[in-house]
Amino acid sequence: QNRDPGRLAASAVFYLAVRRLELGALRQVLTSAAVLPWVPIGIASYVAGHAVRGLRCQLLVRREANLRLVTASNIVVVGYAANNVFPARLGELVRAGMLAERTGIPVTQSLVVTFIERVLDGLAILLLLVVGTLSGETPGWTTDLVRLALLVFGGACGVLMFAVYSPGLVLSLASRLGNRLGTRGHDRIVGVATSITNAGACLRDPRDAALILLYSVVVWVLETGLFLAILPAFGLAPRFTTAAVAMSVTNLGLLVPSSPGFVGPFHFFASRALMTRGIDETTALAYATVVHLAFYVPVTLWGAASMLWYGVEVG
């Protein structure tokens, strides 16, 4: 049979998370959870984070296009909703295509804008993970995760800063490379380089750069609010550091393309992060299940409605 390797891997990861559990005990913990008012509070925090993502997107493209906040937020949410439906994080391409269509900027530039957002997201998540691990002893693998994330996002940030603050050099290098490929190849490579430098132009303004960095941190503090709000639903102490570790480990674990909606990997990483705080495996997996539903359902519905409203085609 022809099977999707991503789904098989996700199923294997989910199996690792549940293989030792009794489903009856898991069901009992889930049914005893206090949904109100904690789940709605968590969803509200998560949805607010997408509005801030819209502010950041609006600011990133404002030199090229006058994008309304509502439209910017819907573009961001469509990307997240598509990631919840399609495998391998294909929602990033859907989002870039919609951003290009709504603003008129080249698709290459919209992809670079998405790359900038992901680099900033990674740095903000890493910051919150460090904050979360300052509260006490943590297992060695979290330290390794911090080092790996710092290597990946630090390197990406270095490449980004080079493109942002040395646009002339980037264009010069692209032109020299293009000269070896003939007129057509030269124009194409220089066009891509121009899109890259234009996408980072907003970061050359200190005020805009500071705002974009602030928005990036606020986005992930609000997402931490989702993880924080669900803790009392299971009788767990609502500690920001616990929520920050759970949010950070989960999202860093989801960076690798996986199954639609991150089913399996989300539950595995969220539950393992909670278990580092001494929480039993059954409660940790039940918590991860509820957080995943609060993460998945609202944004997927919002994104689907936006696709219908704007007539987005994902083919």
C-alpha atoms as a PDB file:
ATOM      1  CA  GLN A   1       0.000   0.000   0.000  1.00  0.00           C
ATOM      2  CA  ASN A   2       1.101   3.595  -0.664  1.00  0.00           C
ATOM      3  CA  ARG A   3       1.240   5.371   2.673  1.00  0.00           C
ATOM      4  CA  ASP A   4       2.242   8.912   3.583  1.00  0.00           C
ATOM      5  CA  PRO A   5       5.589   8.690   5.468  1.00  0.00           C
ATOM      6  CA  GLY A   6       4.700  11.820   7.453  1.00  0.00           C
ATOM      7  CA  ARG A   7       1.536  10.228   8.781  1.00  0.00           C
ATOM      8  CA  LEU A   8       3.359   7.014   9.614  1.00  0.00           C
ATOM      9  CA  ALA A   9       6.005   8.947  11.554  1.00  0.00           C
ATOM     10  CA  ALA A  10       3.329  10.947  13.388  1.00  0.00           C
ATOM     11  CA  SER A  11       1.503   7.743  14.284  1.00  0.00           C
ATOM     12  CA  ALA A  12       4.739   6.281  15.633  1.00  0.00           C
ATOM     13  CA  VAL A  13       5.365   9.370  17.768  1.00  0.00           C
ATOM     14  CA  PHE A  14       1.813   9.283  19.106  1.00  0.00           C
ATOM     15  CA  TYR A  15       2.219   5.595  19.897  1.00  0.00           C
ATOM     16  CA  LEU A  16       5.305   6.443  21.968  1.00  0.00           C
ATOM     17  CA  ALA A  17       3.168   8.853  23.971  1.00  0.00           C
ATOM     18  CA  VAL A  18       0.343   6.415  24.751  1.00  0.00           C
ATOM     19  CA  ARG A  19       1.855   2.919  24.640  1.00  0.00           C
ATOM     20  CA  ARG A  20       2.111   2.567  28.421  1.00  0.00           C
ATOM     21  CA  LEU A  21      -1.171   4.264  29.304  1.00  0.00           C
ATOM     22  CA  GLU A  22      -4.515   2.764  30.152  1.00  0.00           C
ATOM     23  CA  LEU A  23      -7.091   4.452  27.943  1.00  0.00           C
ATOM     24  CA  GLY A  24      -9.696   4.142  30.691  1.00  0.00           C
ATOM     25  CA  ALA A  25      -7.538   6.211  33.054  1.00  0.00           C
ATOM     26  CA  LEU A  26      -6.929   8.785  30.325  1.00  0.00           C
ATOM     27  CA  ARG A  27     -10.668   9.040  29.623  1.00  0.00           C
ATOM     28  CA  GLN A  28     -11.367   9.521  33.321  1.00  0.00           C
ATOM     29  CA  VAL A  29      -8.887  12.396  33.597  1.00  0.00           C
ATOM     30  CA  LEU A  30     -10.333  14.043  30.485  1.00  0.00           C
ATOM     31  CA  THR A  31     -13.950  13.798  31.656  1.00  0.00           C
ATOM     32  CA  SER A  32     -13.066  15.207  35.077  1.00  0.00           C
ATOM     33  CA  ALA A  33     -11.329  18.286  33.617  1.00  0.00           C
ATOM     34  CA  ALA A  34     -12.894  21.678  34.425  1.00  0.00           C
ATOM     35  CA  VAL A  35     -13.525  23.056  30.942  1.00  0.00           C
ATOM     36  CA  LEU A  36     -15.087  26.323  32.157  1.00  0.00           C
ATOM     37  CA  PRO A  37     -13.765  28.955  32.422  1.00  0.00           C
ATOM     38  CA  TRP A  38     -10.234  27.784  31.619  1.00  0.00           C
ATOM     39  CA  VAL A  39     -10.539  26.549  28.036  1.00  0.00           C
ATOM     40  CA  PRO A  40     -12.353  29.695  26.768  1.00  0.00           C
ATOM     41  CA  ILE A  41      -9.741  31.865  28.506  1.00  0.00           C
ATOM     42  CA  GLY A  42      -6.960  29.899  26.837  1.00  0.00           C
ATOM     43  CA  ILE A  43      -8.608  30.142  23.411  1.00  0.00           C
ATOM     44  CA  ALA A  44      -9.083  33.903  23.850  1.00  0.00           C
ATOM     45  CA  SER A  45      -5.372  34.309  24.615  1.00  0.00           C
ATOM     46  CA  TYR A  46      -4.400  32.208  21.600  1.00  0.00           C
ATOM     47  CA  VAL A  47      -6.737  34.090  19.241  1.00  0.00           C
ATOM     48  CA  ALA A  48      -5.406  37.419  20.537  1.00  0.00           C
ATOM     49  CA  GLY A  49      -1.936  36.205  19.594  1.00  0.00           C
ATOM     50  CA  HIS A  50      -3.057  35.879  15.972  1.00  0.00           C
ATOM     51  CA  ALA A  51      -4.260  39.475  15.992  1.00  0.00           C
ATOM     52  CA  VAL A  52      -0.770  40.506  17.123  1.00  0.00           C
ATOM     53  CA  ARG A  53       0.682  38.347  14.348  1.00  0.00           C
ATOM     54  CA  GLY A  54      -1.487  40.382  11.981  1.00  0.00           C
ATOM     55  CA  LEU A  55       0.022  43.608  13.378  1.00  0.00           C
ATOM     56  CA  ARG A  56       3.505  42.228  12.786  1.00  0.00           C
ATOM     57  CA  CYS A  57       2.684  41.127   9.235  1.00  0.00           C
ATOM     58  CA  GLN A  58       1.155  44.526   8.505  1.00  0.00           C
ATOM     59  CA  LEU A  59       4.311  46.254   9.710  1.00  0.00           C
ATOM     60  CA  LEU A  60       6.627  43.934   7.767  1.00  0.00           C
ATOM     61  CA  VAL A  61       5.004  44.817   4.421  1.00  0.00           C
ATOM     62  CA  ARG A  62       3.908  48.391   4.988  1.00  0.00           C
ATOM     63  CA  ARG A  63       6.726  49.813   2.835  1.00  0.00           C
ATOM     64  CA  GLU A  64       5.355  47.841  -0.099  1.00  0.00           C
ATOM     65  CA  ALA A  65       1.612  47.660   0.567  1.00  0.00           C
ATOM     66  CA  ASN A  66      -1.132  49.226   2.656  1.00  0.00           C
ATOM     67  CA  LEU A  67      -2.518  46.112   4.295  1.00  0.00           C
ATOM     68  CA  ARG A  68      -5.465  46.380   6.689  1.00  0.00           C
ATOM     69  CA  LEU A  69      -5.105  44.713  10.071  1.00  0.00           C
ATOM     70  CA  VAL A  70      -8.130  42.473   9.512  1.00  0.00           C
ATOM     71  CA  THR A  71      -6.732  41.264   6.187  1.00  0.00           C
ATOM     72  CA  ALA A  72      -3.245  40.756   7.645  1.00  0.00           C
ATOM     73  CA  SER A  73      -4.657  38.696  10.521  1.00  0.00           C
ATOM     74  CA  ASN A  74      -6.749  36.607   8.133  1.00  0.00           C
ATOM     75  CA  ILE A  75      -3.689  35.916   5.951  1.00  0.00           C
ATOM     76  CA  VAL A  76      -1.763  34.696   8.982  1.00  0.00           C
ATOM     77  CA  VAL A  77      -4.644  32.511  10.157  1.00  0.00           C
ATOM     78  CA  VAL A  78      -5.135  30.969   6.700  1.00  0.00           C
ATOM     79  CA  GLY A  79      -1.529  29.784   6.860  1.00  0.00           C
ATOM     80  CA  TYR A  80      -2.036  28.229  10.287  1.00  0.00           C
ATOM     81  CA  ALA A  81      -5.335  26.641   9.236  1.00  0.00           C
ATOM     82  CA  ALA A  82      -3.714  25.163   6.139  1.00  0.00           C
ATOM     83  CA  ASN A  83      -0.949  23.699   8.329  1.00  0.00           C
ATOM     84  CA  ASN A  84      -3.724  22.073  10.367  1.00  0.00           C
ATOM     85  CA  VAL A  85      -5.110  20.402   7.252  1.00  0.00           C
ATOM     86  CA  PHE A  86      -2.120  19.704   4.997  1.00  0.00           C
ATOM     87  CA  PRO A  87       1.043  17.780   5.909  1.00  0.00           C
ATOM     88  CA  ALA A  88       4.646  19.020   5.849  1.00  0.00           C
ATOM     89  CA  ARG A  89       3.785  22.617   6.876  1.00  0.00           C
ATOM     90  CA  LEU A  90       2.449  23.405   3.392  1.00  0.00           C
ATOM     91  CA  GLY A  91       0.403  26.169   5.011  1.00  0.00           C
ATOM     92  CA  GLU A  92       3.510  28.368   4.801  1.00  0.00           C
ATOM     93  CA  LEU A  93       3.201  28.289   0.998  1.00  0.00           C
ATOM     94  CA  VAL A  94      -0.543  28.951   1.144  1.00  0.00           C
ATOM     95  CA  ARG A  95       0.083  31.945   3.402  1.00  0.00           C
ATOM     96  CA  ALA A  96       2.832  33.327   1.154  1.00  0.00           C
ATOM     97  CA  GLY A  97       0.616  32.955  -1.907  1.00  0.00           C
ATOM     98  CA  MET A  98      -2.287  34.743  -0.246  1.00  0.00           C
ATOM     99  CA  LEU A  99       0.000  37.537   0.999  1.00  0.00           C
ATOM    100  CA  ALA A 100       1.320  38.032  -2.538  1.00  0.00           C
ATOM    101  CA  GLU A 101      -2.193  38.029  -3.974  1.00  0.00           C
ATOM    102  CA  ARG A 102      -3.541  40.520  -1.412  1.00  0.00           C
ATOM    103  CA  THR A 103      -0.594  42.949  -1.565  1.00  0.00           C
ATOM    104  CA  GLY A 104       0.790  42.590  -5.069  1.00  0.00           C
ATOM    105  CA  ILE A 105       4.330  41.931  -3.809  1.00  0.00           C
ATOM    106  CA  PRO A 106       6.317  39.129  -5.496  1.00  0.00           C
ATOM    107  CA  VAL A 107       5.810  35.629  -4.149  1.00  0.00           C
ATOM    108  CA  THR A 108       9.547  35.424  -3.403  1.00  0.00           C
ATOM    109  CA  GLN A 109       9.283  38.483  -1.197  1.00  0.00           C
ATOM    110  CA  SER A 110       6.243  37.127   0.620  1.00  0.00           C
ATOM    111  CA  LEU A 111       8.151  33.887   1.260  1.00  0.00           C
ATOM    112  CA  VAL A 112      11.036  35.890   2.721  1.00  0.00           C
ATOM    113  CA  VAL A 113       8.576  37.778   4.956  1.00  0.00           C
ATOM    114  CA  THR A 114       7.369  34.389   6.202  1.00  0.00           C
ATOM    115  CA  PHE A 115      10.992  33.338   6.789  1.00  0.00           C
ATOM    116  CA  ILE A 116      11.620  36.516   8.820  1.00  0.00           C
ATOM    117  CA  GLU A 117       8.574  35.788  10.961  1.00  0.00           C
ATOM    118  CA  ARG A 118       9.705  32.226  11.592  1.00  0.00           C
ATOM    119  CA  VAL A 119      13.196  33.354  12.637  1.00  0.00           C
ATOM    120  CA  LEU A 120      11.721  35.901  15.037  1.00  0.00           C
ATOM    121  CA  ASP A 121       9.268  33.287  16.328  1.00  0.00           C
ATOM    122  CA  GLY A 122      12.118  30.890  17.004  1.00  0.00           C
ATOM    123  CA  LEU A 123      14.095  33.487  18.943  1.00  0.00           C
ATOM    124  CA  ALA A 124      11.022  34.455  21.016  1.00  0.00           C
ATOM    125  CA  ILE A 125      10.232  30.797  21.785  1.00  0.00           C
ATOM    126  CA  LEU A 126      13.852  30.227  22.766  1.00  0.00           C
ATOM    127  CA  LEU A 127      13.706  33.232  25.104  1.00  0.00           C
ATOM    128  CA  LEU A 128      10.589  31.868  26.826  1.00  0.00           C
ATOM    129  CA  LEU A 129      12.133  28.409  27.114  1.00  0.00           C
ATOM    130  CA  VAL A 130      15.143  29.906  28.872  1.00  0.00           C
ATOM    131  CA  VAL A 131      12.825  31.865  31.188  1.00  0.00           C
ATOM    132  CA  GLY A 132      10.880  28.692  31.945  1.00  0.00           C
ATOM    133  CA  THR A 133      13.967  26.665  32.784  1.00  0.00           C
ATOM    134  CA  LEU A 134      15.311  29.268  35.221  1.00  0.00           C
ATOM    135  CA  SER A 135      12.773  28.234  37.862  1.00  0.00           C
ATOM    136  CA  GLY A 136      14.471  25.020  38.884  1.00  0.00           C
ATOM    137  CA  GLU A 137      16.177  21.828  37.816  1.00  0.00           C
ATOM    138  CA  THR A 138      15.440  20.628  34.315  1.00  0.00           C
ATOM    139  CA  PRO A 139      16.460  17.434  32.499  1.00  0.00           C
ATOM    140  CA  GLY A 140      19.556  17.508  30.340  1.00  0.00           C
ATOM    141  CA  TRP A 141      17.615  17.162  27.102  1.00  0.00           C
ATOM    142  CA  THR A 142      16.042  20.609  27.573  1.00  0.00           C
ATOM    143  CA  THR A 143      19.523  22.133  27.767  1.00  0.00           C
ATOM    144  CA  ASP A 144      20.432  20.285  24.581  1.00  0.00           C
ATOM    145  CA  LEU A 145      17.252  21.594  22.980  1.00  0.00           C
ATOM    146  CA  VAL A 146      18.179  25.173  23.913  1.00  0.00           C
ATOM    147  CA  ARG A 147      21.631  24.736  22.395  1.00  0.00           C
ATOM    148  CA  LEU A 148      20.267  23.222  19.197  1.00  0.00           C
ATOM    149  CA  ALA A 149      17.602  25.934  18.836  1.00  0.00           C
ATOM    150  CA  LEU A 150      20.202  28.619  19.489  1.00  0.00           C
ATOM    151  CA  LEU A 151      22.423  27.148  16.769  1.00  0.00           C
ATOM    152  CA  VAL A 152      19.589  26.948  14.227  1.00  0.00           C
ATOM    153  CA  PHE A 153      17.907  30.280  14.895  1.00  0.00           C
ATOM    154  CA  GLY A 154      21.153  32.081  15.649  1.00  0.00           C
ATOM    155  CA  GLY A 155      22.512  31.015  12.281  1.00  0.00           C
ATOM    156  CA  ALA A 156      19.280  31.973  10.505  1.00  0.00           C
ATOM    157  CA  CYS A 157      19.315  35.327  12.291  1.00  0.00           C
ATOM    158  CA  GLY A 158      22.896  35.943  11.110  1.00  0.00           C
ATOM    159  CA  VAL A 159      21.910  35.285   7.483  1.00  0.00           C
ATOM    160  CA  LEU A 160      18.878  37.544   7.901  1.00  0.00           C
ATOM    161  CA  MET A 161      20.904  40.400   9.388  1.00  0.00           C
ATOM    162  CA  PHE A 162      23.396  40.168   6.527  1.00  0.00           C
ATOM    163  CA  ALA A 163      20.593  40.510   3.965  1.00  0.00           C
ATOM    164  CA  VAL A 164      18.900  43.332   5.906  1.00  0.00           C
ATOM    165  CA  TYR A 165      21.889  45.522   6.653  1.00  0.00           C
ATOM    166  CA  SER A 166      24.021  44.834   3.565  1.00  0.00           C
ATOM    167  CA  PRO A 167      21.509  45.104   0.711  1.00  0.00           C
ATOM    168  CA  GLY A 168      24.069  46.610  -1.657  1.00  0.00           C
ATOM    169  CA  LEU A 169      26.463  43.728  -1.114  1.00  0.00           C
ATOM    170  CA  VAL A 170      23.676  41.160  -1.563  1.00  0.00           C
ATOM    171  CA  LEU A 171      22.625  42.728  -4.874  1.00  0.00           C
ATOM    172  CA  SER A 172      26.244  42.993  -6.004  1.00  0.00           C
ATOM    173  CA  LEU A 173      26.897  39.320  -5.266  1.00  0.00           C
ATOM    174  CA  ALA A 174      23.665  38.345  -7.035  1.00  0.00           C
ATOM    175  CA  SER A 175      24.628  40.426 -10.069  1.00  0.00           C
ATOM    176  CA  ARG A 176      28.079  38.846 -10.286  1.00  0.00           C
ATOM    177  CA  LEU A 177      26.580  35.386 -10.047  1.00  0.00           C
ATOM    178  CA  GLY A 178      23.930  36.256 -12.625  1.00  0.00           C
ATOM    179  CA  ASN A 179      26.546  37.476 -15.121  1.00  0.00           C
ATOM    180  CA  ARG A 180      27.656  33.873 -15.508  1.00  0.00           C
ATOM    181  CA  LEU A 181      24.137  32.757 -16.439  1.00  0.00           C
ATOM    182  CA  GLY A 182      23.355  35.130 -19.273  1.00  0.00           C
ATOM    183  CA  THR A 183      20.929  38.053 -19.409  1.00  0.00           C
ATOM    184  CA  ARG A 184      17.854  36.055 -18.511  1.00  0.00           C
ATOM    185  CA  GLY A 185      19.518  34.299 -15.586  1.00  0.00           C
ATOM    186  CA  HIS A 186      21.033  37.591 -14.398  1.00  0.00           C
ATOM    187  CA  ASP A 187      17.675  39.351 -14.329  1.00  0.00           C
ATOM    188  CA  ARG A 188      16.042  36.464 -12.511  1.00  0.00           C
ATOM    189  CA  ILE A 189      18.699  36.205  -9.792  1.00  0.00           C
ATOM    190  CA  VAL A 190      18.853  39.965  -9.268  1.00  0.00           C
ATOM    191  CA  GLY A 191      15.046  40.015  -9.027  1.00  0.00           C
ATOM    192  CA  VAL A 192      15.113  37.364  -6.294  1.00  0.00           C
ATOM    193  CA  ALA A 193      17.869  39.255  -4.438  1.00  0.00           C
ATOM    194  CA  THR A 194      15.842  42.466  -4.690  1.00  0.00           C
ATOM    195  CA  SER A 195      12.796  40.733  -3.213  1.00  0.00           C
ATOM    196  CA  ILE A 196      14.950  39.456  -0.342  1.00  0.00           C
ATOM    197  CA  THR A 197      16.396  42.871   0.496  1.00  0.00           C
ATOM    198  CA  ASN A 198      12.995  44.569   0.119  1.00  0.00           C
ATOM    199  CA  ALA A 199      11.394  42.085   2.525  1.00  0.00           C
ATOM    200  CA  GLY A 200      13.843  43.052   5.260  1.00  0.00           C
ATOM    201  CA  ALA A 201      13.736  46.806   4.618  1.00  0.00           C
ATOM    202  CA  CYS A 202      11.455  47.470   7.595  1.00  0.00           C
ATOM    203  CA  LEU A 203      14.081  46.038   9.951  1.00  0.00           C
ATOM    204  CA  ARG A 204      16.514  48.811   8.975  1.00  0.00           C
ATOM    205  CA  ASP A 205      14.337  51.333  10.808  1.00  0.00           C
ATOM    206  CA  PRO A 206      15.191  51.035  14.540  1.00  0.00           C
ATOM    207  CA  ARG A 207      11.646  51.908  15.640  1.00  0.00           C
ATOM    208  CA  ASP A 208      10.004  49.412  13.286  1.00  0.00           C
ATOM    209  CA  ALA A 209      12.556  46.742  14.190  1.00  0.00           C
ATOM    210  CA  ALA A 210      11.898  47.264  17.917  1.00  0.00           C
ATOM    211  CA  LEU A 211       8.129  47.024  17.364  1.00  0.00           C
ATOM    212  CA  ILE A 212       8.467  43.851  15.294  1.00  0.00           C
ATOM    213  CA  LEU A 213      10.637  42.250  17.979  1.00  0.00           C
ATOM    214  CA  LEU A 214       8.153  43.316  20.670  1.00  0.00           C
ATOM    215  CA  TYR A 215       5.214  41.895  18.708  1.00  0.00           C
ATOM    216  CA  SER A 216       7.109  38.614  18.292  1.00  0.00           C
ATOM    217  CA  VAL A 217       7.583  38.246  22.046  1.00  0.00           C
ATOM    218  CA  VAL A 218       3.968  39.271  22.784  1.00  0.00           C
ATOM    219  CA  VAL A 219       2.695  36.677  20.270  1.00  0.00           C
ATOM    220  CA  TRP A 220       4.379  33.854  22.150  1.00  0.00           C
ATOM    221  CA  VAL A 221       3.536  35.186  25.595  1.00  0.00           C
ATOM    222  CA  LEU A 222      -0.117  35.077  24.492  1.00  0.00           C
ATOM    223  CA  GLU A 223       0.344  31.551  23.156  1.00  0.00           C
ATOM    224  CA  THR A 224       1.876  30.639  26.501  1.00  0.00           C
ATOM    225  CA  GLY A 225      -1.390  32.003  27.932  1.00  0.00           C
ATOM    226  CA  LEU A 226      -3.206  29.114  26.221  1.00  0.00           C
ATOM    227  CA  PHE A 227      -0.931  26.562  27.875  1.00  0.00           C
ATOM    228  CA  LEU A 228      -1.189  28.429  31.188  1.00  0.00           C
ATOM    229  CA  ALA A 229      -4.995  28.640  31.225  1.00  0.00           C
ATOM    230  CA  ILE A 230      -5.439  24.885  30.706  1.00  0.00           C
ATOM    231  CA  LEU A 231      -3.294  23.950  33.726  1.00  0.00           C
ATOM    232  CA  PRO A 232      -5.996  24.704  36.368  1.00  0.00           C
ATOM    233  CA  ALA A 233      -8.509  22.701  34.322  1.00  0.00           C
ATOM    234  CA  PHE A 234      -6.599  19.610  35.498  1.00  0.00           C
ATOM    235  CA  GLY A 235      -6.001  20.864  39.029  1.00  0.00           C
ATOM    236  CA  LEU A 236      -2.416  21.873  38.235  1.00  0.00           C
ATOM    237  CA  ALA A 237      -0.765  24.994  39.617  1.00  0.00           C
ATOM    238  CA  PRO A 238      -0.976  27.816  37.031  1.00  0.00           C
ATOM    239  CA  ARG A 239       2.734  28.625  36.911  1.00  0.00           C
ATOM    240  CA  PHE A 240       3.922  30.711  33.964  1.00  0.00           C
ATOM    241  CA  THR A 241       7.262  28.884  33.914  1.00  0.00           C
ATOM    242  CA  THR A 242       5.541  25.500  33.542  1.00  0.00           C
ATOM    243  CA  ALA A 243       3.397  26.832  30.704  1.00  0.00           C
ATOM    244  CA  ALA A 244       6.425  28.477  29.047  1.00  0.00           C
ATOM    245  CA  VAL A 245       8.370  25.207  29.034  1.00  0.00           C
ATOM    246  CA  ALA A 246       5.368  23.262  27.680  1.00  0.00           C
ATOM    247  CA  MET A 247       4.705  25.842  24.949  1.00  0.00           C
ATOM    248  CA  SER A 248       8.367  26.168  23.949  1.00  0.00           C
ATOM    249  CA  VAL A 249       9.198  22.460  23.839  1.00  0.00           C
ATOM    250  CA  THR A 250       5.993  21.707  21.914  1.00  0.00           C
ATOM    251  CA  ASN A 251       6.556  24.372  19.260  1.00  0.00           C
ATOM    252  CA  LEU A 252      10.248  23.608  18.839  1.00  0.00           C
ATOM    253  CA  GLY A 253       9.302  19.963  18.421  1.00  0.00           C
ATOM    254  CA  LEU A 254       6.838  20.906  15.672  1.00  0.00           C
ATOM    255  CA  LEU A 255       9.413  22.733  13.538  1.00  0.00           C
ATOM    256  CA  VAL A 256      10.085  19.563  11.566  1.00  0.00           C
ATOM    257  CA  PRO A 257       7.336  19.026   8.947  1.00  0.00           C
ATOM    258  CA  SER A 258       4.906  16.388  10.163  1.00  0.00           C
ATOM    259  CA  SER A 259       1.298  15.270   9.996  1.00  0.00           C
ATOM    260  CA  PRO A 260      -1.705  17.532   9.329  1.00  0.00           C
ATOM    261  CA  GLY A 261      -2.608  19.406  12.486  1.00  0.00           C
ATOM    262  CA  PHE A 262       0.540  17.998  14.162  1.00  0.00           C
ATOM    263  CA  VAL A 263      -1.532  15.110  15.523  1.00  0.00           C
ATOM    264  CA  GLY A 264       0.852  12.873  17.431  1.00  0.00           C
ATOM    265  CA  PRO A 265       3.951  15.075  17.668  1.00  0.00           C
ATOM    266  CA  PHE A 266       1.995  17.818  19.469  1.00  0.00           C
ATOM    267  CA  HIS A 267       0.734  15.382  22.107  1.00  0.00           C
ATOM    268  CA  PHE A 268       4.118  13.753  22.525  1.00  0.00           C
ATOM    269  CA  PHE A 269       6.153  16.937  23.028  1.00  0.00           C
ATOM    270  CA  ALA A 270       3.536  18.737  25.146  1.00  0.00           C
ATOM    271  CA  SER A 271       3.090  15.793  27.499  1.00  0.00           C
ATOM    272  CA  ARG A 272       6.837  15.150  27.815  1.00  0.00           C
ATOM    273  CA  ALA A 273       7.447  18.813  28.607  1.00  0.00           C
ATOM    274  CA  LEU A 274       4.839  18.697  31.379  1.00  0.00           C
ATOM    275  CA  MET A 275       6.318  15.513  32.793  1.00  0.00           C
ATOM    276  CA  THR A 276       9.606  17.371  33.387  1.00  0.00           C
ATOM    277  CA  ARG A 277       7.680  19.236  36.098  1.00  0.00           C
ATOM    278  CA  GLY A 278       6.751  16.056  37.944  1.00  0.00           C
ATOM    279  CA  ILE A 279       3.266  15.683  36.447  1.00  0.00           C
ATOM    280  CA  ASP A 280       2.124  12.102  35.861  1.00  0.00           C
ATOM    281  CA  GLU A 281       1.970  10.781  32.318  1.00  0.00           C
ATOM    282  CA  THR A 282      -1.808  10.284  32.159  1.00  0.00           C
ATOM    283  CA  THR A 283      -2.575  13.839  33.278  1.00  0.00           C
ATOM    284  CA  ALA A 284       0.142  15.220  31.008  1.00  0.00           C
ATOM    285  CA  LEU A 285      -1.302  13.503  27.922  1.00  0.00           C
ATOM    286  CA  ALA A 286      -4.862  14.534  28.820  1.00  0.00           C
ATOM    287  CA  TYR A 287      -3.625  18.123  29.190  1.00  0.00           C
ATOM    288  CA  ALA A 288      -1.870  17.914  25.798  1.00  0.00           C
ATOM    289  CA  THR A 289      -5.083  16.625  24.190  1.00  0.00           C
ATOM    290  CA  VAL A 290      -7.167  19.541  25.463  1.00  0.00           C
ATOM    291  CA  VAL A 291      -4.516  22.134  24.538  1.00  0.00           C
ATOM    292  CA  HIS A 292      -4.316  20.648  21.052  1.00  0.00           C
ATOM    293  CA  LEU A 293      -8.083  20.913  20.558  1.00  0.00           C
ATOM    294  CA  ALA A 294      -8.036  24.526  21.806  1.00  0.00           C
ATOM    295  CA  PHE A 295      -5.160  25.189  19.394  1.00  0.00           C
ATOM    296  CA  TYR A 296      -6.652  23.337  16.434  1.00  0.00           C
ATOM    297  CA  VAL A 297     -10.392  23.975  16.271  1.00  0.00           C
ATOM    298  CA  PRO A 298     -10.768  27.797  16.498  1.00  0.00           C
ATOM    299  CA  VAL A 299      -7.994  28.672  14.047  1.00  0.00           C
ATOM    300  CA  THR A 300      -9.008  25.986  11.557  1.00  0.00           C
ATOM    301  CA  LEU A 301     -12.587  27.286  11.516  1.00  0.00           C
ATOM    302  CA  TRP A 302     -11.385  30.908  11.289  1.00  0.00           C
ATOM    303  CA  GLY A 303      -9.013  30.023   8.455  1.00  0.00           C
ATOM    304  CA  ALA A 304     -11.654  28.074   6.543  1.00  0.00           C
ATOM    305  CA  ALA A 305     -14.058  31.019   6.803  1.00  0.00           C
ATOM    306  CA  SER A 306     -11.327  33.378   5.566  1.00  0.00           C
ATOM    307  CA  MET A 307     -10.575  31.113   2.605  1.00  0.00           C
ATOM    308  CA  LEU A 308     -14.240  31.166   1.633  1.00  0.00           C
ATOM    309  CA  TRP A 309     -14.491  34.936   2.122  1.00  0.00           C
ATOM    310  CA  TYR A 310     -11.411  35.755   0.019  1.00  0.00           C
ATOM    311  CA  GLY A 311     -11.864  32.922  -2.449  1.00  0.00           C
ATOM    312  CA  VAL A 312      -8.425  31.466  -1.695  1.00  0.00           C
ATOM    313  CA  GLU A 313      -7.385  28.597  -3.954  1.00  0.00           C
ATOM    314  CA  VAL A 314      -4.817  26.231  -2.482  1.00  0.00           C
ATOM    315  CA  GLY A 315      -4.256  24.021  -5.521  1.00  0.00           C
END
